[in-house]
Protein backbone atom coordinates (compact mmCIF):
# COMPACT_ATOMS: atom_id res chain seq x y z
CA MET A 1 -40.50 41.29 -20.98
CA SER A 2 -43.31 42.39 -23.29
CA TYR A 3 -40.80 43.98 -25.65
CA SER A 4 -38.77 40.78 -25.61
CA HIS A 5 -41.83 38.67 -26.50
CA ASP A 6 -42.78 41.03 -29.35
CA SER A 7 -39.23 40.89 -30.71
CA ASP A 8 -39.25 37.08 -30.57
CA ASP A 9 -42.59 36.97 -32.41
CA GLU A 10 -41.36 39.29 -35.17
CA TYR A 11 -38.18 37.24 -35.55
CA GLU A 12 -40.19 34.02 -35.82
CA LYS A 13 -42.47 35.60 -38.45
CA LEU A 14 -39.41 36.66 -40.46
CA ILE A 15 -37.95 33.14 -40.29
CA ARG A 16 -41.30 31.64 -41.38
CA ARG A 17 -41.52 34.00 -44.35
CA MET A 18 -37.99 33.12 -45.43
CA ASN A 19 -38.50 29.39 -44.81
CA PRO A 20 -42.25 28.64 -45.01
CA PRO A 21 -43.30 25.26 -43.56
CA ARG A 22 -44.08 22.51 -46.03
CA VAL A 23 -46.67 19.82 -45.32
CA VAL A 24 -47.02 16.79 -47.57
CA ILE A 25 -49.83 14.28 -46.96
CA ASP A 26 -49.50 10.97 -48.80
CA ASN A 27 -52.08 8.18 -48.79
CA GLU A 28 -50.17 6.03 -51.28
CA ALA A 29 -46.73 5.64 -49.68
CA CYS A 30 -47.88 3.28 -46.93
CA LYS A 31 -50.39 0.44 -47.17
CA ASN A 32 -51.89 0.84 -43.69
CA ALA A 33 -51.46 4.49 -42.77
CA THR A 34 -51.51 8.08 -44.00
CA VAL A 35 -48.01 9.56 -44.15
CA ILE A 36 -47.62 13.19 -43.04
CA ARG A 37 -44.30 14.95 -43.69
CA VAL A 38 -43.59 18.29 -42.03
CA ASP A 39 -40.55 20.42 -42.95
CA SER A 40 -39.96 23.85 -41.42
CA ALA A 41 -37.47 26.12 -39.71
CA ASN A 42 -36.59 24.68 -36.30
CA LYS A 43 -37.53 26.30 -32.98
CA HIS A 44 -37.96 25.15 -29.40
CA GLY A 45 -41.33 23.50 -28.81
CA ILE A 46 -42.22 22.91 -32.45
CA LEU A 47 -42.34 19.12 -32.04
CA LEU A 48 -44.94 19.47 -29.29
CA GLU A 49 -46.99 21.85 -31.44
CA VAL A 50 -47.12 19.35 -34.32
CA VAL A 51 -47.90 16.36 -32.09
CA GLN A 52 -50.58 18.40 -30.32
CA VAL A 53 -52.39 19.11 -33.62
CA LEU A 54 -52.41 15.41 -34.53
CA THR A 55 -53.52 14.41 -31.02
CA ASP A 56 -56.38 16.94 -30.95
CA LEU A 57 -57.75 15.29 -34.10
CA ASN A 58 -57.69 11.90 -32.29
CA LEU A 59 -55.21 10.54 -34.82
CA ILE A 60 -53.14 7.50 -33.87
CA VAL A 61 -49.39 7.75 -34.58
CA THR A 62 -48.20 4.26 -35.54
CA LYS A 63 -44.72 5.26 -36.66
CA ALA A 64 -42.69 8.46 -36.60
CA TYR A 65 -39.23 9.65 -37.50
CA ILE A 66 -38.20 12.99 -36.02
CA SER A 67 -35.14 15.04 -36.89
CA SER A 68 -34.62 18.64 -35.71
CA ASP A 69 -30.86 18.90 -35.49
CA GLY A 70 -29.53 22.29 -36.54
CA CYS A 71 -31.79 24.92 -38.07
CA TRP A 72 -34.29 22.65 -39.83
CA PHE A 73 -37.14 20.52 -38.52
CA MET A 74 -38.09 17.39 -40.55
CA ASP A 75 -40.69 14.94 -39.26
CA VAL A 76 -42.53 12.00 -40.77
CA PHE A 77 -45.65 10.60 -39.09
CA ASN A 78 -47.63 7.51 -40.06
CA VAL A 79 -51.14 8.07 -38.73
CA THR A 80 -54.56 6.39 -38.76
CA ASP A 81 -57.95 7.22 -37.31
CA GLU A 82 -59.20 5.55 -34.12
CA ASP A 83 -60.47 2.58 -36.17
CA GLY A 84 -57.06 1.99 -37.78
CA ASN A 85 -58.02 3.42 -41.18
CA LYS A 86 -56.22 5.95 -43.36
CA ILE A 87 -57.30 9.59 -43.17
CA THR A 88 -59.39 10.31 -46.27
CA ASP A 89 -61.70 13.06 -45.01
CA GLU A 90 -60.69 16.14 -47.01
CA GLY A 91 -61.88 18.42 -44.20
CA ILE A 92 -59.41 16.84 -41.76
CA LEU A 93 -56.60 16.82 -44.34
CA ASP A 94 -57.15 20.51 -45.12
CA TYR A 95 -57.19 21.30 -41.40
CA ILE A 96 -53.81 19.58 -40.95
CA ARG A 97 -52.34 21.54 -43.87
CA LYS A 98 -53.71 24.79 -42.47
CA CYS A 99 -52.47 24.17 -38.90
CA LEU A 100 -49.01 22.95 -39.85
CA GLY A 101 -48.41 24.75 -43.15
CA PRO A 102 -47.44 28.33 -44.15
CA GLU A 103 -50.78 29.75 -42.91
CA ALA A 104 -50.19 28.49 -39.38
CA CYS A 105 -49.52 31.05 -36.65
CA PHE A 106 -48.06 29.20 -33.69
CA ALA A 107 -47.67 31.01 -30.40
CA SER A 108 -44.22 32.14 -29.35
CA SER A 109 -42.19 29.36 -27.78
CA MET A 110 -41.89 31.53 -24.67
CA ARG A 111 -45.63 31.27 -24.03
CA SER A 112 -48.01 28.41 -23.34
CA VAL A 113 -49.15 26.53 -26.44
CA GLY A 114 -52.64 27.46 -27.61
CA VAL A 115 -53.37 30.38 -25.27
CA LYS A 116 -55.88 33.06 -26.28
CA GLN A 117 -58.10 35.55 -24.52
CA SER A 118 -61.76 34.71 -23.87
CA MET A 119 -64.61 36.67 -22.33
CA ASP A 120 -66.96 33.67 -22.39
CA HIS A 121 -65.75 31.99 -19.22
CA THR A 122 -63.23 32.05 -16.39
CA ALA A 123 -60.59 29.32 -16.12
CA ILE A 124 -59.88 27.94 -12.64
CA GLU A 125 -56.74 25.88 -12.03
CA LEU A 126 -56.54 23.72 -8.90
CA THR A 127 -53.69 21.61 -7.51
CA GLY A 128 -53.57 19.87 -4.16
CA SER A 129 -53.73 16.53 -2.31
CA ASP A 130 -56.16 13.98 -3.68
CA ARG A 131 -58.82 12.44 -1.44
CA PRO A 132 -62.25 10.81 -1.83
CA GLY A 133 -65.01 13.37 -2.42
CA LEU A 134 -62.68 16.21 -3.40
CA LEU A 135 -64.39 16.97 -6.72
CA SER A 136 -67.81 16.91 -5.04
CA GLU A 137 -66.65 19.45 -2.43
CA VAL A 138 -65.17 21.73 -5.11
CA SER A 139 -68.43 21.57 -7.09
CA ALA A 140 -70.46 22.39 -3.96
CA VAL A 141 -68.35 25.49 -3.27
CA LEU A 142 -68.72 26.72 -6.86
CA THR A 143 -72.49 26.16 -6.72
CA HIS A 144 -72.68 28.12 -3.47
CA LEU A 145 -70.74 30.96 -5.11
CA LYS A 146 -73.20 30.96 -8.03
CA CYS A 147 -70.64 29.68 -10.53
CA ASN A 148 -71.82 27.47 -13.37
CA VAL A 149 -69.30 24.78 -14.39
CA VAL A 150 -69.10 24.66 -18.20
CA SER A 151 -66.41 21.99 -18.38
CA ALA A 152 -63.86 20.33 -16.13
CA GLU A 153 -61.01 17.87 -16.42
CA VAL A 154 -59.30 16.31 -13.41
CA TRP A 155 -56.06 14.31 -13.21
CA THR A 156 -54.83 12.41 -10.16
CA HIS A 157 -51.43 10.78 -9.68
CA ASN A 158 -49.32 9.77 -6.68
CA THR A 159 -51.83 11.25 -4.17
CA ARG A 160 -51.80 14.60 -6.02
CA ALA A 161 -54.69 16.12 -7.97
CA ALA A 162 -54.89 18.79 -10.67
CA ALA A 163 -58.05 20.20 -12.18
CA LEU A 164 -58.80 22.70 -14.93
CA MET A 165 -62.35 24.03 -14.78
CA GLN A 166 -64.14 26.54 -16.97
CA VAL A 167 -66.90 28.44 -15.16
CA THR A 168 -69.35 31.24 -15.90
CA ASP A 169 -71.41 33.60 -13.78
CA GLU A 170 -74.76 31.99 -12.99
CA GLU A 171 -76.66 35.23 -13.65
CA THR A 172 -74.88 36.69 -16.71
CA GLY A 173 -73.66 33.48 -18.32
CA GLY A 174 -70.31 35.16 -19.02
CA ALA A 175 -66.86 35.30 -17.46
CA ILE A 176 -66.45 36.42 -13.85
CA SER A 177 -64.47 39.68 -13.78
CA ASP A 178 -65.09 41.12 -10.29
CA PRO A 179 -61.66 41.02 -8.51
CA GLU A 180 -63.22 40.69 -5.04
CA ARG A 181 -65.40 37.78 -6.10
CA LEU A 182 -62.47 36.06 -7.79
CA SER A 183 -60.44 36.50 -4.59
CA VAL A 184 -63.19 34.83 -2.54
CA ILE A 185 -63.39 31.95 -5.04
CA LYS A 186 -59.64 31.40 -4.81
CA GLU A 187 -59.61 31.52 -1.01
CA LEU A 188 -62.52 29.11 -0.49
CA LEU A 189 -61.31 26.61 -3.09
CA CYS A 190 -57.83 26.69 -1.59
CA ASN A 191 -59.34 25.83 1.81
CA VAL A 192 -61.17 22.88 0.24
CA LEU A 193 -57.97 21.61 -1.37
CA LYS A 194 -56.10 21.76 1.93
CA GLY A 195 -58.91 19.92 3.76
CA SER A 196 -58.02 18.98 7.32
CA ASN A 197 -54.31 19.32 6.51
CA LYS A 198 -54.01 23.11 6.76
CA SER A 199 -50.26 22.93 6.20
CA GLY A 200 -50.70 20.91 3.01
CA LEU A 201 -49.70 22.32 -0.37
CA ALA A 202 -52.62 23.67 -2.39
CA LYS A 203 -52.85 26.20 -5.19
CA THR A 204 -55.72 27.97 -6.93
CA GLU A 205 -55.43 30.27 -9.95
CA VAL A 206 -58.10 32.03 -12.02
CA SER A 207 -57.75 33.69 -15.41
CA GLN A 208 -59.58 34.69 -18.60
CA ASP A 209 -57.15 32.69 -20.74
CA VAL A 210 -58.17 29.66 -22.77
CA THR A 211 -55.39 27.09 -22.60
CA HIS A 212 -55.02 23.70 -24.24
CA THR A 213 -56.46 21.63 -21.38
CA GLU A 214 -54.24 18.55 -21.43
CA ARG A 215 -51.11 20.59 -22.14
CA ARG A 216 -51.85 22.80 -19.14
CA LEU A 217 -52.60 19.83 -16.86
CA HIS A 218 -49.20 18.37 -17.75
CA GLN A 219 -47.56 21.64 -16.70
CA MET A 220 -49.57 21.84 -13.48
CA MET A 221 -48.79 18.26 -12.42
CA PHE A 222 -45.11 18.68 -13.22
CA ALA A 223 -44.93 21.94 -11.22
CA ASP A 224 -46.65 20.12 -8.35
CA ARG A 225 -43.93 17.41 -8.50
CA ASP A 226 -46.47 14.60 -8.91
CA TYR A 227 -43.65 12.36 -10.17
CA GLU A 228 -42.25 12.01 -6.64
CA ARG A 229 -43.38 8.66 -5.23
CA THR A 230 -44.76 8.52 -1.70
CA GLY A 231 -44.92 5.78 0.91
CA THR A 232 -48.61 5.27 0.15
CA ASP A 233 -48.04 4.41 -3.53
CA ASP A 234 -49.63 1.19 -4.75
CA ASP A 235 -46.86 -1.24 -5.68
CA SER A 236 -49.27 -4.03 -6.61
CA LEU A 237 -48.94 -3.34 -10.34
CA ASP A 238 -47.23 -6.19 -12.13
CA GLU A 239 -43.68 -5.17 -13.07
CA LYS A 240 -44.34 -6.46 -16.60
CA GLN A 241 -47.08 -3.84 -16.96
CA ARG A 242 -44.85 -0.95 -15.92
CA PRO A 243 -43.18 1.14 -18.66
CA ASN A 244 -39.49 0.37 -19.09
CA VAL A 245 -37.54 3.65 -19.25
CA ASN A 246 -33.81 3.60 -19.90
CA VAL A 247 -31.50 6.64 -20.08
CA VAL A 248 -27.97 6.42 -21.50
CA ASN A 249 -25.62 9.39 -21.82
CA CYS A 250 -23.58 9.43 -25.05
CA TYR A 251 -20.88 11.91 -24.16
CA ASP A 252 -19.08 11.59 -27.50
CA LYS A 253 -22.22 12.82 -29.32
CA ASP A 254 -23.51 15.17 -26.60
CA TYR A 255 -26.82 13.30 -26.45
CA SER A 256 -28.77 11.50 -23.79
CA VAL A 257 -30.67 8.56 -25.32
CA VAL A 258 -34.06 7.93 -23.69
CA THR A 259 -35.63 4.58 -24.59
CA ILE A 260 -39.22 3.88 -23.53
CA THR A 261 -40.99 0.56 -23.98
CA SER A 262 -44.60 0.36 -22.80
CA LYS A 263 -48.10 -0.73 -23.64
CA ASP A 264 -49.43 1.48 -26.40
CA ARG A 265 -52.40 3.78 -25.78
CA PRO A 266 -53.96 6.89 -27.33
CA LYS A 267 -52.03 10.15 -26.74
CA LEU A 268 -48.92 8.31 -25.52
CA LEU A 269 -46.58 10.28 -27.81
CA PHE A 270 -48.22 13.57 -26.79
CA ASP A 271 -47.77 12.75 -23.09
CA THR A 272 -44.13 11.78 -23.61
CA VAL A 273 -43.24 14.89 -25.62
CA CYS A 274 -45.08 17.10 -23.07
CA THR A 275 -43.03 15.60 -20.26
CA LEU A 276 -39.70 16.08 -22.05
CA THR A 277 -40.66 19.66 -22.98
CA ASP A 278 -41.68 20.53 -19.40
CA MET A 279 -38.32 19.20 -18.20
CA GLN A 280 -36.62 21.67 -20.60
CA TYR A 281 -35.18 18.90 -22.78
CA VAL A 282 -34.83 19.32 -26.55
CA VAL A 283 -35.50 16.36 -28.86
CA PHE A 284 -32.99 16.35 -31.72
CA HIS A 285 -33.89 12.94 -33.14
CA ALA A 286 -36.49 10.31 -32.34
CA ASN A 287 -37.90 7.03 -33.64
CA ILE A 288 -41.40 5.89 -32.72
CA ASP A 289 -42.84 2.44 -33.46
CA ALA A 290 -46.34 1.68 -32.15
CA GLU A 291 -47.80 -0.59 -34.81
CA GLY A 292 -48.49 -3.39 -32.34
CA PRO A 293 -49.88 -3.50 -28.79
CA GLU A 294 -46.49 -2.32 -27.47
CA ALA A 295 -44.95 1.08 -28.17
CA TYR A 296 -41.21 1.60 -28.63
CA GLN A 297 -39.94 5.20 -28.36
CA VAL A 298 -36.33 6.37 -28.64
CA PHE A 299 -35.46 10.02 -28.11
CA PHE A 300 -32.05 11.69 -28.55
């Protein structure tokens, strides 16, 4: 497997040298937004990588046209800052060019996006049934085990919970490397996640990897099948407020057309592309329009 990954990386580097990515940023083409054009050799997961860079900068995508059919990837994004203004900060513009241009070094598509080794902290991944007080109980266990929580992000959906926590050793201030101690941490946290339901599904993982937090939480929730509705779901939400998702199979063109109409919000495009990627779907074309309070997304 390692040999296979190395071969894939070398092949991707060769393709990038032969067809270096091109990033054009234009503040004149559109009256209300900065236009970012990205052209590069196509590969699985590249759309998510580009959207992730824009999302991490808290940029708002108001319009987008995506085309990655065949061997070439061509995207156009109209973006603004959180206040609805064009992007004029040269530091941010240079960062976009560096991350998306020829100097960029994206991870292999066979690995998680944005993963790198770290000796500064230990990452703890938790998935299990949600309940009141769960986070407090997890924090109490970590405190008892002399673990200092550096950061934590928790998602809950359909009675399921996923958390990604970064912890350090209380005494050394660094990552926890003792296998026996890590085993105890996993066992005790798993017991907390199960609660009184000892047969319930719960999972705890620890590692020294640094992963893109929201990307990893998407993967964890999807693996935990949080999308499956339960009998305890709250159906009080007004149907008009629910996203409208429509899927049509175009057999003559070998595409499925996914149309999503919903209230717009920050990171909506990132969440949508993450979901499609985790489901092993490839986006060949897409149109995004989110200039008003409602977002309209069409994916082929």
